[in-house]
């Protein structure tokens, strides 16, 4: 089974966030808690739904990630853009911070 993390949008500003091991939310995918297995994913999603009910985040969902390159990267292009920022200009967005 693929390794996954939970992604959502923070309600106050709409930014993409990832659920951390302590149940918090980070803008960096590197800080996300990785889960493997259906049961573990369901438990993590239940915790994410609590944050959604508290109106901290909206629309949490699991995304597949790959860590084989030494960096945590989403496997789908859409999620890679959400994690790294726009693809048209490298001087704006999260990629400008690198």
PDB file of N, CA and C in Angstrom:
ATOM      1  N   UNK A   1       0.843  -1.187   0.000  1.00  0.00           N
ATOM      2  CA  UNK A   1       0.000   0.000   0.000  1.00  0.00           C
ATOM      3  C   UNK A   1       0.883   1.244   0.000  1.00  0.00           C
ATOM      4  N   UNK A   2       0.438   2.254  -0.681  1.00  0.00           N
ATOM      5  CA  UNK A   2       1.191   3.501  -0.811  1.00  0.00           C
ATOM      6  C   UNK A   2       1.214   4.275   0.499  1.00  0.00           C
ATOM      7  N   UNK A   3       2.278   5.028   0.684  1.00  0.00           N
ATOM      8  CA  UNK A   3       2.368   5.935   1.813  1.00  0.00           C
ATOM      9  C   UNK A   3       1.513   7.155   1.477  1.00  0.00           C
ATOM     10  N   UNK A   4       0.809   7.676   2.470  1.00  0.00           N
ATOM     11  CA  UNK A   4      -0.099   8.798   2.240  1.00  0.00           C
ATOM     12  C   UNK A   4       0.028   9.845   3.335  1.00  0.00           C
ATOM     13  N   UNK A   5      -0.424  11.063   3.020  1.00  0.00           N
ATOM     14  CA  UNK A   5      -0.574  12.141   3.994  1.00  0.00           C
ATOM     15  C   UNK A   5      -1.947  12.771   3.772  1.00  0.00           C
ATOM     16  N   UNK A   6      -2.408  13.511   4.764  1.00  0.00           N
ATOM     17  CA  UNK A   6      -3.694  14.202   4.635  1.00  0.00           C
ATOM     18  C   UNK A   6      -3.459  15.644   4.242  1.00  0.00           C
ATOM     19  N   UNK A   7      -4.128  16.050   3.185  1.00  0.00           N
ATOM     20  CA  UNK A   7      -4.073  17.419   2.684  1.00  0.00           C
ATOM     21  C   UNK A   7      -5.442  18.056   2.873  1.00  0.00           C
ATOM     22  N   UNK A   8      -5.450  19.359   3.077  1.00  0.00           N
ATOM     23  CA  UNK A   8      -6.698  20.114   3.217  1.00  0.00           C
ATOM     24  C   UNK A   8      -6.383  21.571   2.904  1.00  0.00           C
ATOM     25  N   UNK A   9      -7.370  22.422   3.051  1.00  0.00           N
ATOM     26  CA  UNK A   9      -7.160  23.865   2.950  1.00  0.00           C
ATOM     27  C   UNK A   9      -7.509  24.487   4.290  1.00  0.00           C
ATOM     28  N   UNK A  10      -6.653  25.400   4.749  1.00  0.00           N
ATOM     29  CA  UNK A  10      -6.918  26.105   6.006  1.00  0.00           C
ATOM     30  C   UNK A  10      -8.053  27.085   5.763  1.00  0.00           C
ATOM     31  N   UNK A  11      -9.034  27.067   6.605  1.00  0.00           N
ATOM     32  CA  UNK A  11     -10.237  27.864   6.393  1.00  0.00           C
ATOM     33  C   UNK A  11      -9.982  29.365   6.458  1.00  0.00           C
ATOM     34  N   UNK A  12      -9.116  29.817   7.339  1.00  0.00           N
ATOM     35  CA  UNK A  12      -8.921  31.245   7.540  1.00  0.00           C
ATOM     36  C   UNK A  12      -8.298  31.946   6.325  1.00  0.00           C
ATOM     37  N   UNK A  13      -7.430  31.240   5.575  1.00  0.00           N
ATOM     38  CA  UNK A  13      -6.758  31.890   4.445  1.00  0.00           C
ATOM     39  C   UNK A  13      -6.751  31.075   3.157  1.00  0.00           C
ATOM     40  N   UNK A  14      -7.267  29.850   3.195  1.00  0.00           N
ATOM     41  CA  UNK A  14      -7.369  29.023   1.999  1.00  0.00           C
ATOM     42  C   UNK A  14      -6.090  28.307   1.590  1.00  0.00           C
ATOM     43  N   UNK A  15      -5.010  28.481   2.347  1.00  0.00           N
ATOM     44  CA  UNK A  15      -3.745  27.848   1.981  1.00  0.00           C
ATOM     45  C   UNK A  15      -3.804  26.330   2.137  1.00  0.00           C
ATOM     46  N   UNK A  16      -3.027  25.635   1.319  1.00  0.00           N
ATOM     47  CA  UNK A  16      -2.909  24.188   1.409  1.00  0.00           C
ATOM     48  C   UNK A  16      -2.134  23.848   2.675  1.00  0.00           C
ATOM     49  N   UNK A  17      -2.654  22.909   3.443  1.00  0.00           N
ATOM     50  CA  UNK A  17      -1.992  22.463   4.665  1.00  0.00           C
ATOM     51  C   UNK A  17      -1.999  20.938   4.725  1.00  0.00           C
ATOM     52  N   UNK A  18      -1.111  20.401   5.564  1.00  0.00           N
ATOM     53  CA  UNK A  18      -0.952  18.961   5.735  1.00  0.00           C
ATOM     54  C   UNK A  18      -1.005  18.639   7.219  1.00  0.00           C
ATOM     55  N   UNK A  19      -1.691  17.554   7.583  1.00  0.00           N
ATOM     56  CA  UNK A  19      -1.832  17.173   8.976  1.00  0.00           C
ATOM     57  C   UNK A  19      -0.518  16.619   9.513  1.00  0.00           C
ATOM     58  N   UNK A  20      -0.094  17.148  10.655  1.00  0.00           N
ATOM     59  CA  UNK A  20       1.153  16.724  11.285  1.00  0.00           C
ATOM     60  C   UNK A  20       0.877  15.607  12.291  1.00  0.00           C
ATOM     61  N   UNK A  21       1.952  15.006  12.786  1.00  0.00           N
ATOM     62  CA  UNK A  21       1.820  13.914  13.744  1.00  0.00           C
ATOM     63  C   UNK A  21       1.118  14.302  15.025  1.00  0.00           C
ATOM     64  N   UNK A  22       1.223  15.538  15.428  1.00  0.00           N
ATOM     65  CA  UNK A  22       0.575  15.995  16.647  1.00  0.00           C
ATOM     66  C   UNK A  22      -0.864  16.440  16.450  1.00  0.00           C
ATOM     67  N   UNK A  23      -1.389  16.260  15.240  1.00  0.00           N
ATOM     68  CA  UNK A  23      -2.753  16.671  14.950  1.00  0.00           C
ATOM     69  C   UNK A  23      -2.865  18.122  14.527  1.00  0.00           C
ATOM     70  N   UNK A  24      -1.735  18.797  14.387  1.00  0.00           N
ATOM     71  CA  UNK A  24      -1.739  20.175  13.911  1.00  0.00           C
ATOM     72  C   UNK A  24      -1.724  20.205  12.388  1.00  0.00           C
ATOM     73  N   UNK A  25      -1.518  21.392  11.841  1.00  0.00           N
ATOM     74  CA  UNK A  25      -1.536  21.576  10.387  1.00  0.00           C
ATOM     75  C   UNK A  25      -0.362  22.437   9.970  1.00  0.00           C
ATOM     76  N   UNK A  26       0.347  22.008   8.944  1.00  0.00           N
ATOM     77  CA  UNK A  26       1.533  22.710   8.455  1.00  0.00           C
ATOM     78  C   UNK A  26       1.387  23.003   6.966  1.00  0.00           C
ATOM     79  N   UNK A  27       1.961  24.099   6.527  1.00  0.00           N
ATOM     80  CA  UNK A  27       1.982  24.433   5.100  1.00  0.00           C
ATOM     81  C   UNK A  27       3.031  23.622   4.351  1.00  0.00           C
ATOM     82  N   UNK A  28       3.894  22.917   5.068  1.00  0.00           N
ATOM     83  CA  UNK A  28       4.975  22.143   4.458  1.00  0.00           C
ATOM     84  C   UNK A  28       4.650  20.650   4.461  1.00  0.00           C
ATOM     85  N   UNK A  29       4.686  20.035   3.306  1.00  0.00           N
ATOM     86  CA  UNK A  29       4.406  18.605   3.201  1.00  0.00           C
ATOM     87  C   UNK A  29       5.456  17.783   3.953  1.00  0.00           C
ATOM     88  N   UNK A  30       6.658  18.326   4.108  1.00  0.00           N
ATOM     89  CA  UNK A  30       7.712  17.627   4.843  1.00  0.00           C
ATOM     90  C   UNK A  30       7.341  17.419   6.309  1.00  0.00           C
ATOM     91  N   UNK A  31       6.463  18.259   6.848  1.00  0.00           N
ATOM     92  CA  UNK A  31       6.037  18.165   8.240  1.00  0.00           C
ATOM     93  C   UNK A  31       4.868  17.203   8.444  1.00  0.00           C
ATOM     94  N   UNK A  32       4.294  16.720   7.355  1.00  0.00           N
ATOM     95  CA  UNK A  32       3.079  15.900   7.437  1.00  0.00           C
ATOM     96  C   UNK A  32       3.356  14.532   8.044  1.00  0.00           C
ATOM     97  N   UNK A  33       2.351  14.013   8.722  1.00  0.00           N
ATOM     98  CA  UNK A  33       2.412  12.654   9.248  1.00  0.00           C
ATOM     99  C   UNK A  33       2.104  11.688   8.107  1.00  0.00           C
ATOM    100  N   UNK A  34       3.015  10.783   7.824  1.00  0.00           N
ATOM    101  CA  UNK A  34       2.794   9.785   6.786  1.00  0.00           C
ATOM    102  C   UNK A  34       2.070   8.588   7.390  1.00  0.00           C
ATOM    103  N   UNK A  35       1.095   8.064   6.661  1.00  0.00           N
ATOM    104  CA  UNK A  35       0.346   6.886   7.102  1.00  0.00           C
ATOM    105  C   UNK A  35       0.408   5.821   6.016  1.00  0.00           C
ATOM    106  N   UNK A  36       0.353   4.586   6.442  1.00  0.00           N
ATOM    107  CA  UNK A  36       0.334   3.456   5.520  1.00  0.00           C
ATOM    108  C   UNK A  36      -0.743   2.492   5.992  1.00  0.00           C
ATOM    109  N   UNK A  37      -1.594   2.085   5.091  1.00  0.00           N
ATOM    110  CA  UNK A  37      -2.643   1.129   5.425  1.00  0.00           C
ATOM    111  C   UNK A  37      -3.999   1.796   5.570  1.00  0.00           C
ATOM    112  N   UNK A  38      -5.012   1.052   5.191  1.00  0.00           N
ATOM    113  CA  UNK A  38      -6.374   1.573   5.191  1.00  0.00           C
ATOM    114  C   UNK A  38      -6.852   1.959   6.586  1.00  0.00           C
ATOM    115  N   UNK A  39      -6.602   1.101   7.576  1.00  0.00           N
ATOM    116  CA  UNK A  39      -7.086   1.373   8.932  1.00  0.00           C
ATOM    117  C   UNK A  39      -6.421   2.602   9.535  1.00  0.00           C
ATOM    118  N   UNK A  40      -5.108   2.726   9.348  1.00  0.00           N
ATOM    119  CA  UNK A  40      -4.380   3.883   9.869  1.00  0.00           C
ATOM    120  C   UNK A  40      -4.849   5.155   9.174  1.00  0.00           C
ATOM    121  N   UNK A  41      -5.091   5.068   7.867  1.00  0.00           N
ATOM    122  CA  UNK A  41      -5.608   6.206   7.117  1.00  0.00           C
ATOM    123  C   UNK A  41      -6.979   6.643   7.601  1.00  0.00           C
ATOM    124  N   UNK A  42      -7.831   5.670   7.935  1.00  0.00           N
ATOM    125  CA  UNK A  42      -9.167   5.993   8.432  1.00  0.00           C
ATOM    126  C   UNK A  42      -9.105   6.687   9.789  1.00  0.00           C
ATOM    127  N   UNK A  43      -8.204   6.237  10.656  1.00  0.00           N
ATOM    128  CA  UNK A  43      -8.030   6.884  11.969  1.00  0.00           C
ATOM    129  C   UNK A  43      -7.546   8.326  11.785  1.00  0.00           C
ATOM    130  N   UNK A  44      -6.575   8.517  10.897  1.00  0.00           N
ATOM    131  CA  UNK A  44      -6.059   9.864  10.630  1.00  0.00           C
ATOM    132  C   UNK A  44      -7.145  10.755  10.040  1.00  0.00           C
ATOM    133  N   UNK A  45      -7.949  10.203   9.128  1.00  0.00           N
ATOM    134  CA  UNK A  45      -9.036  10.991   8.542  1.00  0.00           C
ATOM    135  C   UNK A  45     -10.081  11.369   9.589  1.00  0.00           C
ATOM    136  N   UNK A  46     -10.331  10.500  10.554  1.00  0.00           N
ATOM    137  CA  UNK A  46     -11.270  10.832  11.631  1.00  0.00           C
ATOM    138  C   UNK A  46     -10.759  12.037  12.419  1.00  0.00           C
ATOM    139  N   UNK A  47      -9.456  12.081  12.674  1.00  0.00           N
ATOM    140  CA  UNK A  47      -8.866  13.234  13.369  1.00  0.00           C
ATOM    141  C   UNK A  47      -8.974  14.487  12.512  1.00  0.00           C
ATOM    142  N   UNK A  48      -8.775  14.351  11.211  1.00  0.00           N
ATOM    143  CA  UNK A  48      -8.893  15.498  10.307  1.00  0.00           C
ATOM    144  C   UNK A  48     -10.328  16.022  10.284  1.00  0.00           C
ATOM    145  N   UNK A  49     -11.285  15.124  10.346  1.00  0.00           N
ATOM    146  CA  UNK A  49     -12.698  15.563  10.343  1.00  0.00           C
ATOM    147  C   UNK A  49     -13.044  16.360  11.595  1.00  0.00           C
ATOM    148  N   UNK A  50     -12.384  16.043  12.712  1.00  0.00           N
ATOM    149  CA  UNK A  50     -12.585  16.823  13.939  1.00  0.00           C
ATOM    150  C   UNK A  50     -12.122  18.262  13.700  1.00  0.00           C
ATOM    151  N   UNK A  51     -10.979  18.430  13.043  1.00  0.00           N
ATOM    152  CA  UNK A  51     -10.482  19.776  12.718  1.00  0.00           C
ATOM    153  C   UNK A  51     -11.410  20.463  11.730  1.00  0.00           C
ATOM    154  N   UNK A  52     -12.004  19.696  10.827  1.00  0.00           N
ATOM    155  CA  UNK A  52     -12.952  20.280   9.879  1.00  0.00           C
ATOM    156  C   UNK A  52     -14.212  20.748  10.605  1.00  0.00           C
ATOM    157  N   UNK A  53     -14.694  19.945  11.541  1.00  0.00           N
ATOM    158  CA  UNK A  53     -15.876  20.338  12.318  1.00  0.00           C
ATOM    159  C   UNK A  53     -15.597  21.569  13.176  1.00  0.00           C
ATOM    160  N   UNK A  54     -14.334  21.722  13.607  1.00  0.00           N
ATOM    161  CA  UNK A  54     -13.934  22.890  14.397  1.00  0.00           C
ATOM    162  C   UNK A  54     -13.658  24.101  13.512  1.00  0.00           C
ATOM    163  N   UNK A  55     -13.850  23.939  12.210  1.00  0.00           N
ATOM    164  CA  UNK A  55     -13.668  24.998  11.220  1.00  0.00           C
ATOM    165  C   UNK A  55     -12.229  25.523  11.160  1.00  0.00           C
ATOM    166  N   UNK A  56     -11.275  24.594  11.311  1.00  0.00           N
ATOM    167  CA  UNK A  56      -9.864  24.930  11.150  1.00  0.00           C
ATOM    168  C   UNK A  56      -9.453  24.707   9.704  1.00  0.00           C
ATOM    169  N   UNK A  57      -9.938  23.595   9.133  1.00  0.00           N
ATOM    170  CA  UNK A  57      -9.615  23.235   7.752  1.00  0.00           C
ATOM    171  C   UNK A  57     -10.900  22.842   7.029  1.00  0.00           C
ATOM    172  N   UNK A  58     -10.817  22.735   5.708  1.00  0.00           N
ATOM    173  CA  UNK A  58     -11.940  22.246   4.904  1.00  0.00           C
ATOM    174  C   UNK A  58     -11.431  21.181   3.936  1.00  0.00           C
ATOM    175  N   UNK A  59     -12.310  20.254   3.607  1.00  0.00           N
ATOM    176  CA  UNK A  59     -12.068  19.232   2.578  1.00  0.00           C
ATOM    177  C   UNK A  59     -10.790  18.415   2.771  1.00  0.00           C
ATOM    178  N   UNK A  60     -10.603  17.765   3.928  1.00  0.00           N
ATOM    179  CA  UNK A  60      -9.415  16.926   4.082  1.00  0.00           C
ATOM    180  C   UNK A  60      -9.521  15.663   3.232  1.00  0.00           C
ATOM    181  N   UNK A  61      -8.387  15.215   2.719  1.00  0.00           N
ATOM    182  CA  UNK A  61      -8.352  13.962   1.959  1.00  0.00           C
ATOM    183  C   UNK A  61      -6.936  13.411   1.938  1.00  0.00           C
ATOM    184  N   UNK A  62      -6.822  12.119   1.726  1.00  0.00           N
ATOM    185  CA  UNK A  62      -5.532  11.441   1.667  1.00  0.00           C
ATOM    186  C   UNK A  62      -4.934  11.565   0.273  1.00  0.00           C
ATOM    187  N   UNK A  63      -3.619  11.819   0.220  1.00  0.00           N
ATOM    188  CA  UNK A  63      -2.909  11.840  -1.059  1.00  0.00           C
ATOM    189  C   UNK A  63      -1.734  10.872  -0.971  1.00  0.00           C
ATOM    190  N   UNK A  64      -1.409  10.234  -2.083  1.00  0.00           N
ATOM    191  CA  UNK A  64      -0.258   9.343  -2.160  1.00  0.00           C
ATOM    192  C   UNK A  64       1.016  10.170  -2.268  1.00  0.00           C
ATOM    193  N   UNK A  65       2.054   9.702  -1.559  1.00  0.00           N
ATOM    194  CA  UNK A  65       3.344  10.379  -1.622  1.00  0.00           C
ATOM    195  C   UNK A  65       4.444   9.361  -1.922  1.00  0.00           C
ATOM    196  N   UNK A  66       5.591   9.876  -2.356  1.00  0.00           N
ATOM    197  CA  UNK A  66       6.772   9.068  -2.625  1.00  0.00           C
ATOM    198  C   UNK A  66       7.950   9.726  -1.924  1.00  0.00           C
ATOM    199  N   UNK A  67       8.739   8.935  -1.219  1.00  0.00           N
ATOM    200  CA  UNK A  67       9.911   9.469  -0.522  1.00  0.00           C
ATOM    201  C   UNK A  67      11.219   8.867  -1.046  1.00  0.00           C
ATOM    202  N   UNK A  68      11.166   8.195  -2.182  1.00  0.00           N
ATOM    203  CA  UNK A  68      12.339   7.481  -2.687  1.00  0.00           C
ATOM    204  C   UNK A  68      13.486   8.414  -3.079  1.00  0.00           C
ATOM    205  N   UNK A  69      13.198   9.655  -3.402  1.00  0.00           N
ATOM    206  CA  UNK A  69      14.248  10.599  -3.803  1.00  0.00           C
ATOM    207  C   UNK A  69      14.859  11.328  -2.608  1.00  0.00           C
ATOM    208  N   UNK A  70      14.452  10.962  -1.398  1.00  0.00           N
ATOM    209  CA  UNK A  70      14.944  11.647  -0.203  1.00  0.00           C
ATOM    210  C   UNK A  70      14.121  12.866   0.161  1.00  0.00           C
ATOM    211  N   UNK A  71      13.145  13.170  -0.655  1.00  0.00           N
ATOM    212  CA  UNK A  71      12.238  14.301  -0.432  1.00  0.00           C
ATOM    213  C   UNK A  71      10.816  13.772  -0.530  1.00  0.00           C
ATOM    214  N   UNK A  72       9.945  14.231   0.324  1.00  0.00           N
ATOM    215  CA  UNK A  72       8.540  13.817   0.273  1.00  0.00           C
ATOM    216  C   UNK A  72       7.853  14.556  -0.867  1.00  0.00           C
ATOM    217  N   UNK A  73       7.341  13.792  -1.843  1.00  0.00           N
ATOM    218  CA  UNK A  73       6.694  14.388  -3.011  1.00  0.00           C
ATOM    219  C   UNK A  73       5.375  13.679  -3.299  1.00  0.00           C
ATOM    220  N   UNK A  74       4.333  14.452  -3.596  1.00  0.00           N
ATOM    221  CA  UNK A  74       3.075  13.825  -4.039  1.00  0.00           C
ATOM    222  C   UNK A  74       3.296  13.091  -5.359  1.00  0.00           C
ATOM    223  N   UNK A  75       2.559  12.018  -5.571  1.00  0.00           N
ATOM    224  CA  UNK A  75       2.715  11.245  -6.802  1.00  0.00           C
ATOM    225  C   UNK A  75       1.880  11.800  -7.949  1.00  0.00           C
ATOM    226  N   UNK A  76       0.864  12.579  -7.661  1.00  0.00           N
ATOM    227  CA  UNK A  76       0.018  13.155  -8.705  1.00  0.00           C
ATOM    228  C   UNK A  76       0.432  14.607  -8.958  1.00  0.00           C
ATOM    229  N   UNK A  77       0.396  14.989 -10.211  1.00  0.00           N
ATOM    230  CA  UNK A  77       0.841  16.323 -10.614  1.00  0.00           C
ATOM    231  C   UNK A  77       0.017  17.425  -9.929  1.00  0.00           C
ATOM    232  N   UNK A  78      -1.274  17.254  -9.828  1.00  0.00           N
ATOM    233  CA  UNK A  78      -2.134  18.252  -9.180  1.00  0.00           C
ATOM    234  C   UNK A  78      -1.667  18.515  -7.754  1.00  0.00           C
ATOM    235  N   UNK A  79      -1.367  17.452  -7.026  1.00  0.00           N
ATOM    236  CA  UNK A  79      -0.936  17.602  -5.641  1.00  0.00           C
ATOM    237  C   UNK A  79       0.475  18.179  -5.557  1.00  0.00           C
ATOM    238  N   UNK A  80       1.310  17.893  -6.541  1.00  0.00           N
ATOM    239  CA  UNK A  80       2.642  18.486  -6.583  1.00  0.00           C
ATOM    240  C   UNK A  80       2.545  20.003  -6.723  1.00  0.00           C
ATOM    241  N   UNK A  81       1.640  20.470  -7.562  1.00  0.00           N
ATOM    242  CA  UNK A  81       1.418  21.917  -7.716  1.00  0.00           C
ATOM    243  C   UNK A  81       0.895  22.510  -6.414  1.00  0.00           C
ATOM    244  N   UNK A  82      -0.025  21.810  -5.754  1.00  0.00           N
ATOM    245  CA  UNK A  82      -0.544  22.300  -4.469  1.00  0.00           C
ATOM    246  C   UNK A  82       0.573  22.382  -3.430  1.00  0.00           C
ATOM    247  N   UNK A  83       1.517  21.441  -3.473  1.00  0.00           N
ATOM    248  CA  UNK A  83       2.600  21.408  -2.494  1.00  0.00           C
ATOM    249  C   UNK A  83       3.697  22.421  -2.803  1.00  0.00           C
ATOM    250  N   UNK A  84       4.011  22.614  -4.074  1.00  0.00           N
ATOM    251  CA  UNK A  84       5.154  23.442  -4.463  1.00  0.00           C
ATOM    252  C   UNK A  84       4.787  24.844  -4.929  1.00  0.00           C
ATOM    253  N   UNK A  85       3.583  25.041  -5.417  1.00  0.00           N
ATOM    254  CA  UNK A  85       3.181  26.358  -5.894  1.00  0.00           C
ATOM    255  C   UNK A  85       3.021  26.396  -7.398  1.00  0.00           C
ATOM    256  N   UNK A  86       2.741  27.565  -7.963  1.00  0.00           N
ATOM    257  CA  UNK A  86       2.482  27.717  -9.391  1.00  0.00           C
ATOM    258  C   UNK A  86       3.650  27.225 -10.246  1.00  0.00           C
ATOM    259  N   UNK A  87       3.345  26.797 -11.455  1.00  0.00           N
ATOM    260  CA  UNK A  87       4.380  26.278 -12.350  1.00  0.00           C
ATOM    261  C   UNK A  87       4.826  27.301 -13.388  1.00  0.00           C
ATOM    262  N   UNK A  88       4.185  28.444 -13.449  1.00  0.00           N
ATOM    263  CA  UNK A  88       4.498  29.407 -14.506  1.00  0.00           C
ATOM    264  C   UNK A  88       5.610  30.378 -14.139  1.00  0.00           C
ATOM    265  N   UNK A  89       5.777  30.659 -12.863  1.00  0.00           N
ATOM    266  CA  UNK A  89       6.829  31.591 -12.429  1.00  0.00           C
ATOM    267  C   UNK A  89       7.501  31.018 -11.190  1.00  0.00           C
ATOM    268  N   UNK A  90       8.776  30.824 -11.271  1.00  0.00           N
ATOM    269  CA  UNK A  90       9.509  30.248 -10.149  1.00  0.00           C
ATOM    270  C   UNK A  90       9.885  31.273  -9.082  1.00  0.00           C
ATOM    271  N   UNK A  91       9.598  32.555  -9.348  1.00  0.00           N
ATOM    272  CA  UNK A  91       9.942  33.598  -8.389  1.00  0.00           C
ATOM    273  C   UNK A  91       8.800  33.947  -7.452  1.00  0.00           C
ATOM    274  N   UNK A  92       7.663  33.245  -7.576  1.00  0.00           N
ATOM    275  CA  UNK A  92       6.536  33.469  -6.669  1.00  0.00           C
ATOM    276  C   UNK A  92       6.107  32.130  -6.089  1.00  0.00           C
ATOM    277  N   UNK A  93       5.329  32.157  -5.053  1.00  0.00           N
ATOM    278  CA  UNK A  93       4.819  30.931  -4.467  1.00  0.00           C
ATOM    279  C   UNK A  93       5.854  30.223  -3.608  1.00  0.00           C
ATOM    280  N   UNK A  94       5.526  29.016  -3.201  1.00  0.00           N
ATOM    281  CA  UNK A  94       6.384  28.246  -2.316  1.00  0.00           C
ATOM    282  C   UNK A  94       7.731  27.920  -2.933  1.00  0.00           C
ATOM    283  N   UNK A  95       7.777  27.735  -4.247  1.00  0.00           N
ATOM    284  CA  UNK A  95       9.038  27.382  -4.897  1.00  0.00           C
ATOM    285  C   UNK A  95      10.063  28.510  -4.813  1.00  0.00           C
ATOM    286  N   UNK A  96       9.620  29.745  -4.625  1.00  0.00           N
ATOM    287  CA  UNK A  96      10.545  30.874  -4.498  1.00  0.00           C
ATOM    288  C   UNK A  96      11.322  30.823  -3.185  1.00  0.00           C
ATOM    289  N   UNK A  97      10.808  30.098  -2.219  1.00  0.00           N
ATOM    290  CA  UNK A  97      11.450  29.991  -0.909  1.00  0.00           C
ATOM    291  C   UNK A  97      12.614  29.013  -0.915  1.00  0.00           C
ATOM    292  N   UNK A  98      12.728  28.191  -1.930  1.00  0.00           N
ATOM    293  CA  UNK A  98      13.770  27.156  -1.968  1.00  0.00           C
ATOM    294  C   UNK A  98      15.134  27.725  -2.199  1.00  0.00           C
TER     295      UNK A  98
END
